[in-house]
Amino acid sequence: MIISMTGFGRGQYSLDGYEAVVEVRSLNHRFLDVAMRLPRGLGAYEQAVKDFVRTKVNRGRVNVAITLKSETDNEFGLSVDEETARRYKHLLETLIKKLDLQGPVTLEHLLQFSDILTIAEESALPAQAWTCVEKALSLAMDEMNAMRLREGQEIINDLRGRINGLQEKIERIKTHAASRSKDEFEKLYKRLGAMVDTKELDRTRLELEVALLADRVDITEECTRFQSHNTLFLETLGDSEPAGRKLNFLLQEMNREANTIGAKANDAQTAHLVVGIKEEVEKLREQIQNIE
C-alpha cells in the first residue's frame, strides 16, 4: 500500500467538563520517530501516546501536540494563597503609615512575594480527561492517515506514468538494438570478406570476432531484466504492506541494468535513451522518499 509520509490531522473531544485538542503532523524520516508536546498532568501517559501512534504509522517523523483544558482548573495549574496575600497587604499598609509614605498597596506590590502564587504539583489525571485525550488523538490520527492515503494515491498515479514511460524507452532501445545488430554483423561480414581476399582469415580469429560482436551488441538480457523490474514495481504499488524500501531496491536494480545497457550499446542513440531512463529513475527515487 502506498501511503505518503507527510500529513496533518486535528482531533477535538469534550467530556464532563474536559476538552482535549490534538494536532498530529507527519514528515519524511528513515525510521519511525514520535515527538510530543504534552500539557501538565499527561507526563505519565507519554508512552501510551507513543504506543498508540505506532499502531497507526510505520515510518516517518510524527509530531504530536496535545492541549487539555478543564472548566474548573486554570490552564497553568496555578493557585493563589489568598490568606498570605492579605497578610502581606496588611504588613505593607502598616509600613506605609509608619514611614509616612503615600499611595495604596497594589497587586504589583503583592506579586513581589513569590509565595503568594504556587504551581500545583501534578496529580493523577481523571479518567474522563484521559478519555478525552484518547478520543481526540484517535480522531487526529485518522484524519492524518486519510490525508496520507490521498497523497499516496497521487504518488501512485505519478509513479505508474513514469514506469510506463520507462517501458516505452526500453522498447525503443530494443528496436534500435535489433537494427544495430544487423548493421554490425554486415560490417563484420565485410571485414571477414577482406580477410578472405587477403587470405588472412583463420578459424580462431573468426570465432573471436563473432564472440566479441555478439557480446557487445546483445542487450536482450538486460532489457528483459529491466522490464521484469518494471512489472514487479507496478505490482508492488498494489501490495497491502508498506512498499517504500522494496521500491527503492527495484530502482537500484533498474539503474544497474541501465548502466550495463549504456556500456554495451555504445552508440549515441542508445546513450541518449539511457540518459533519459536514468533521469526518470532518479525522479522515481525522489518520489518514493515520500512514501512509507
Protein backbone atom coordinates (compact mmCIF):
# COMPACT_ATOMS: atom_id res chain seq x y z
CA MET A 1 0.00 0.00 0.00
CA ILE A 2 1.36 3.37 -0.99
CA ILE A 3 0.98 5.87 1.84
CA SER A 4 2.61 9.29 1.86
CA MET A 5 4.77 10.09 4.88
CA THR A 6 3.52 13.66 5.01
CA GLY A 7 0.17 14.54 6.52
CA PHE A 8 -1.71 16.55 9.13
CA GLY A 9 -4.66 15.81 11.37
CA ARG A 10 -6.60 17.52 14.15
CA GLY A 11 -8.93 15.97 16.69
CA GLN A 12 -11.10 17.54 19.39
CA TYR A 13 -13.19 15.83 22.07
CA SER A 14 -15.07 17.02 25.17
CA LEU A 15 -16.40 15.09 28.16
CA ASP A 16 -17.58 16.04 31.66
CA GLY A 17 -16.01 19.50 31.64
CA TYR A 18 -12.75 18.43 29.97
CA GLU A 19 -11.71 19.27 26.43
CA ALA A 20 -8.73 17.81 24.57
CA VAL A 21 -7.35 19.09 21.28
CA VAL A 22 -4.70 17.02 19.48
CA GLU A 23 -2.76 18.01 16.37
CA VAL A 24 -0.50 15.50 14.61
CA ARG A 25 1.88 16.18 11.76
CA SER A 26 4.00 13.59 9.94
CA LEU A 27 7.14 14.21 7.89
CA ASN A 28 9.66 12.14 5.95
CA HIS A 29 12.04 10.13 8.09
CA ARG A 30 14.00 6.94 7.58
CA PHE A 31 12.54 5.31 10.69
CA LEU A 32 9.55 5.92 12.97
CA ASP A 33 10.21 8.80 15.36
CA VAL A 34 7.47 10.21 17.61
CA ALA A 35 7.96 13.65 19.19
CA MET A 36 5.42 15.10 21.62
CA ARG A 37 4.41 18.29 23.36
CA LEU A 38 2.27 17.41 26.37
CA PRO A 39 0.46 19.56 28.94
CA ARG A 40 0.93 19.24 32.69
CA GLY A 41 -0.58 16.07 34.05
CA LEU A 42 0.00 13.98 30.93
CA GLY A 43 3.64 13.12 31.52
CA ALA A 44 2.72 9.67 32.83
CA TYR A 45 0.85 8.93 29.60
CA GLU A 46 3.70 9.72 27.21
CA GLN A 47 4.44 6.06 26.45
CA ALA A 48 0.75 5.28 25.95
CA VAL A 49 0.52 8.06 23.36
CA LYS A 50 3.64 6.80 21.56
CA ASP A 51 2.34 3.23 21.53
CA PHE A 52 -0.94 4.35 20.01
CA VAL A 53 0.82 6.35 17.28
CA ARG A 54 2.93 3.29 16.42
CA THR A 55 -0.22 1.28 15.75
CA LYS A 56 -1.18 3.81 13.08
CA VAL A 57 2.16 4.70 11.47
CA ASN A 58 5.08 2.54 10.34
CA ARG A 59 7.66 5.10 9.23
CA GLY A 60 8.23 8.85 9.39
CA ARG A 61 8.60 11.56 12.00
CA VAL A 62 5.32 12.24 13.80
CA ASN A 63 4.89 15.39 15.90
CA VAL A 64 2.05 15.24 18.43
CA ALA A 65 0.79 18.37 20.21
CA ILE A 66 -1.85 17.94 22.93
CA THR A 67 -3.76 20.58 24.87
CA LEU A 68 -6.12 19.68 27.69
CA LYS A 69 -8.47 22.15 29.36
CA SER A 70 -10.89 21.90 32.26
CA GLU A 71 -13.83 24.13 33.14
CA THR A 72 -12.71 24.22 36.77
CA ASP A 73 -8.92 24.32 36.56
CA ASN A 74 -6.79 27.07 35.10
CA GLU A 75 -4.51 26.18 32.25
CA PHE A 76 -1.24 26.69 34.12
CA GLY A 77 -2.05 24.83 37.32
CA LEU A 78 -1.56 28.00 39.40
CA SER A 79 -3.18 28.65 42.76
CA VAL A 80 -3.34 31.82 44.88
CA ASP A 81 -2.77 31.79 48.64
CA GLU A 82 -5.31 34.47 49.50
CA GLU A 83 -4.64 34.43 53.24
CA THR A 84 -0.93 35.03 52.71
CA ALA A 85 -1.77 37.84 50.27
CA ARG A 86 -3.98 39.53 52.91
CA ARG A 87 -1.17 39.35 55.47
CA TYR A 88 1.32 40.91 53.07
CA LYS A 89 -1.18 43.65 52.23
CA HIS A 90 -1.72 44.43 55.91
CA LEU A 91 2.02 44.41 56.51
CA LEU A 92 2.66 46.83 53.63
CA GLU A 93 -0.14 49.19 54.74
CA THR A 94 1.30 49.27 58.26
CA LEU A 95 4.74 50.01 56.83
CA ILE A 96 3.35 52.85 54.69
CA LYS A 97 1.82 54.51 57.77
CA LYS A 98 4.94 54.13 59.87
CA LEU A 99 7.18 55.55 57.18
CA ASP A 100 4.70 58.26 56.27
CA LEU A 101 4.57 57.13 52.63
CA GLN A 102 1.93 57.91 50.04
CA GLY A 103 -0.19 55.62 47.84
CA PRO A 104 -2.16 52.39 48.20
CA VAL A 105 -0.89 48.83 48.18
CA THR A 106 -1.38 47.41 44.64
CA LEU A 107 -1.37 43.94 43.11
CA GLU A 108 2.01 44.69 41.60
CA HIS A 109 3.39 45.12 45.13
CA LEU A 110 1.90 41.83 46.30
CA LEU A 111 3.26 39.86 43.33
CA GLN A 112 6.78 40.65 44.52
CA PHE A 113 6.22 37.96 47.13
CA SER A 114 6.69 34.64 45.34
CA ASP A 115 4.87 32.53 47.92
CA ILE A 116 1.52 34.10 47.05
CA LEU A 117 1.37 32.15 43.76
CA THR A 118 2.15 28.44 43.71
CA ILE A 119 2.22 25.87 40.92
CA ALA A 120 0.23 22.84 41.87
CA GLU A 121 2.01 19.51 41.78
CA GLU A 122 0.90 17.09 39.09
CA SER A 123 -1.86 14.87 40.35
CA ALA A 124 -3.46 11.78 38.91
CA LEU A 125 -5.31 12.59 35.71
CA PRO A 126 -9.06 11.96 35.97
CA ALA A 127 -10.34 9.11 33.80
CA GLN A 128 -12.60 11.49 31.86
CA ALA A 129 -9.62 13.68 30.95
CA TRP A 130 -7.61 10.74 29.60
CA THR A 131 -10.66 9.54 27.66
CA CYS A 132 -10.83 12.98 26.00
CA VAL A 133 -7.17 12.73 25.02
CA GLU A 134 -7.57 9.20 23.64
CA LYS A 135 -10.60 10.14 21.55
CA ALA A 136 -9.03 13.34 20.23
CA LEU A 137 -5.79 11.52 19.40
CA SER A 138 -7.68 8.82 17.53
CA LEU A 139 -9.61 11.42 15.51
CA ALA A 140 -6.41 13.31 14.69
CA MET A 141 -4.57 10.17 13.58
CA ASP A 142 -7.49 9.07 11.40
CA GLU A 143 -7.59 12.48 9.71
CA MET A 144 -3.83 12.49 9.18
CA ASN A 145 -3.83 8.96 7.72
CA ALA A 146 -6.72 9.83 5.41
CA MET A 147 -4.62 12.71 4.07
CA ARG A 148 -1.59 10.42 3.73
CA LEU A 149 -3.68 7.91 1.76
CA ARG A 150 -4.95 10.61 -0.60
CA GLU A 151 -1.43 11.86 -1.24
CA GLY A 152 -0.31 8.25 -1.63
CA GLN A 153 -2.81 7.75 -4.46
CA GLU A 154 -1.47 10.84 -6.21
CA ILE A 155 2.04 9.43 -5.88
CA ILE A 156 0.86 6.08 -7.32
CA ASN A 157 -0.54 7.82 -10.39
CA ASP A 158 2.74 9.67 -10.91
CA LEU A 159 4.84 6.52 -10.42
CA ARG A 160 2.76 4.50 -12.87
CA GLY A 161 3.07 7.18 -15.50
CA ARG A 162 6.84 7.28 -15.12
CA ILE A 163 7.18 3.48 -15.18
CA ASN A 164 5.13 3.35 -18.40
CA GLY A 165 7.48 5.96 -19.81
CA LEU A 166 10.48 3.78 -18.92
CA GLN A 167 8.81 0.82 -20.62
CA GLU A 168 8.48 2.83 -23.83
CA LYS A 169 12.16 3.82 -23.72
CA ILE A 170 13.26 0.20 -23.25
CA GLU A 171 11.12 -0.86 -26.22
CA ARG A 172 12.78 1.83 -28.33
CA ILE A 173 16.20 0.61 -27.20
CA LYS A 174 15.28 -2.99 -28.15
CA THR A 175 14.06 -1.91 -31.58
CA HIS A 176 17.18 0.13 -32.20
CA ALA A 177 19.43 -2.66 -30.90
CA ALA A 178 17.90 -5.14 -33.37
CA SER A 179 18.64 -2.90 -36.37
CA ARG A 180 22.07 -2.03 -34.99
CA SER A 181 22.95 -5.71 -34.60
CA LYS A 182 22.17 -6.23 -38.28
CA ASP A 183 24.43 -3.31 -39.23
CA GLU A 184 27.25 -4.55 -37.01
CA PHE A 185 27.13 -8.04 -38.49
CA GLU A 186 27.17 -6.60 -42.02
CA LYS A 187 30.32 -4.70 -41.09
CA LEU A 188 31.78 -7.90 -39.72
CA TYR A 189 30.99 -9.75 -42.94
CA LYS A 190 32.81 -7.07 -44.90
CA ARG A 191 35.86 -7.37 -42.66
CA LEU A 192 35.76 -11.14 -43.00
CA GLY A 193 35.43 -10.80 -46.77
CA ALA A 194 38.52 -8.61 -46.80
CA MET A 195 40.37 -11.21 -44.76
CA VAL A 196 39.33 -13.94 -47.21
CA ASP A 197 40.55 -11.89 -50.14
CA THR A 198 43.90 -11.36 -48.48
CA LYS A 199 43.98 -14.94 -47.17
CA GLU A 200 44.35 -13.65 -43.59
CA LEU A 201 41.27 -15.47 -42.22
CA ASP A 202 41.75 -18.24 -39.66
CA ARG A 203 39.19 -20.11 -37.56
CA THR A 204 40.40 -18.75 -34.22
CA ARG A 205 40.18 -15.14 -35.41
CA LEU A 206 36.72 -15.77 -36.84
CA GLU A 207 35.38 -17.23 -33.60
CA LEU A 208 36.85 -14.35 -31.60
CA GLU A 209 35.35 -11.67 -33.85
CA VAL A 210 31.89 -13.26 -33.72
CA ALA A 211 32.01 -13.75 -29.93
CA LEU A 212 33.12 -10.18 -29.30
CA LEU A 213 30.44 -8.75 -31.54
CA ALA A 214 27.68 -10.88 -30.04
CA ASP A 215 28.63 -9.87 -26.51
CA ARG A 216 28.99 -6.21 -27.44
CA VAL A 217 25.66 -5.71 -29.16
CA ASP A 218 23.36 -8.17 -27.36
CA ILE A 219 21.44 -6.35 -24.61
CA THR A 220 18.47 -8.71 -24.63
CA GLU A 221 19.04 -9.99 -21.10
CA GLU A 222 19.47 -6.51 -19.65
CA CYS A 223 16.30 -5.24 -21.32
CA THR A 224 14.35 -8.29 -20.17
CA ARG A 225 15.51 -7.85 -16.58
CA PHE A 226 14.70 -4.13 -16.70
CA GLN A 227 11.18 -4.86 -17.90
CA SER A 228 10.81 -7.51 -15.21
CA HIS A 229 11.72 -4.90 -12.58
CA ASN A 230 9.14 -2.56 -14.14
CA THR A 231 6.43 -5.21 -13.85
CA LEU A 232 7.31 -6.01 -10.24
CA PHE A 233 7.38 -2.29 -9.43
CA LEU A 234 3.82 -1.86 -10.71
CA GLU A 235 2.66 -4.96 -8.82
CA THR A 236 4.23 -3.67 -5.61
CA LEU A 237 2.19 -0.47 -5.87
CA GLY A 238 -0.86 -2.61 -5.12
CA ASP A 239 0.61 -4.51 -2.16
CA SER A 240 -1.14 -4.24 1.19
CA GLU A 241 2.17 -3.84 3.07
CA PRO A 242 4.39 -0.72 3.19
CA ALA A 243 6.34 -0.68 -0.07
CA GLY A 244 8.91 2.12 0.18
CA ARG A 245 12.02 0.01 0.82
CA LYS A 246 11.10 -2.61 -1.79
CA LEU A 247 10.50 0.03 -4.45
CA ASN A 248 13.82 1.67 -3.65
CA PHE A 249 15.61 -1.67 -4.15
CA LEU A 250 13.91 -2.18 -7.52
CA LEU A 251 15.01 1.28 -8.64
CA GLN A 252 18.61 0.43 -7.74
CA GLU A 253 18.35 -2.66 -9.94
CA MET A 254 16.85 -0.63 -12.80
CA ASN A 255 19.71 1.84 -12.59
CA ARG A 256 22.23 -1.01 -12.68
CA GLU A 257 20.65 -2.52 -15.80
CA ALA A 258 20.52 0.90 -17.48
CA ASN A 259 24.25 1.39 -16.85
CA THR A 260 25.01 -2.01 -18.39
CA ILE A 261 22.85 -1.28 -21.43
CA GLY A 262 24.62 2.03 -21.97
CA ALA A 263 28.06 0.46 -21.65
CA LYS A 264 27.25 -2.41 -24.03
CA ALA A 265 25.39 -0.49 -26.71
CA ASN A 266 27.99 2.25 -27.04
CA ASP A 267 26.15 4.31 -29.64
CA ALA A 268 24.70 7.82 -29.49
CA GLN A 269 21.01 6.98 -29.84
CA THR A 270 21.03 4.32 -27.13
CA ALA A 271 23.17 6.51 -24.89
CA HIS A 272 20.60 9.31 -25.21
CA LEU A 273 17.77 6.93 -24.25
CA VAL A 274 19.78 5.57 -21.32
CA VAL A 275 20.36 9.09 -20.01
CA GLY A 276 16.61 9.66 -20.15
CA ILE A 277 16.00 6.40 -18.29
CA LYS A 278 18.44 7.29 -15.53
CA GLU A 279 16.87 10.72 -15.13
CA GLU A 280 13.43 9.13 -14.72
CA VAL A 281 14.77 6.56 -12.26
CA GLU A 282 16.19 9.39 -10.17
CA LYS A 283 12.83 11.19 -10.21
CA LEU A 284 11.15 7.95 -9.15
CA ARG A 285 13.64 7.61 -6.32
CA GLU A 286 12.86 11.13 -5.13
CA GLN A 287 9.15 10.35 -5.16
CA ILE A 288 9.40 7.17 -3.11
CA GLN A 289 11.31 9.04 -0.42
CA ASN A 290 7.87 10.47 0.39
CA ILE A 291 6.18 7.12 0.98
CA GLU A 292 6.03 4.78 3.95
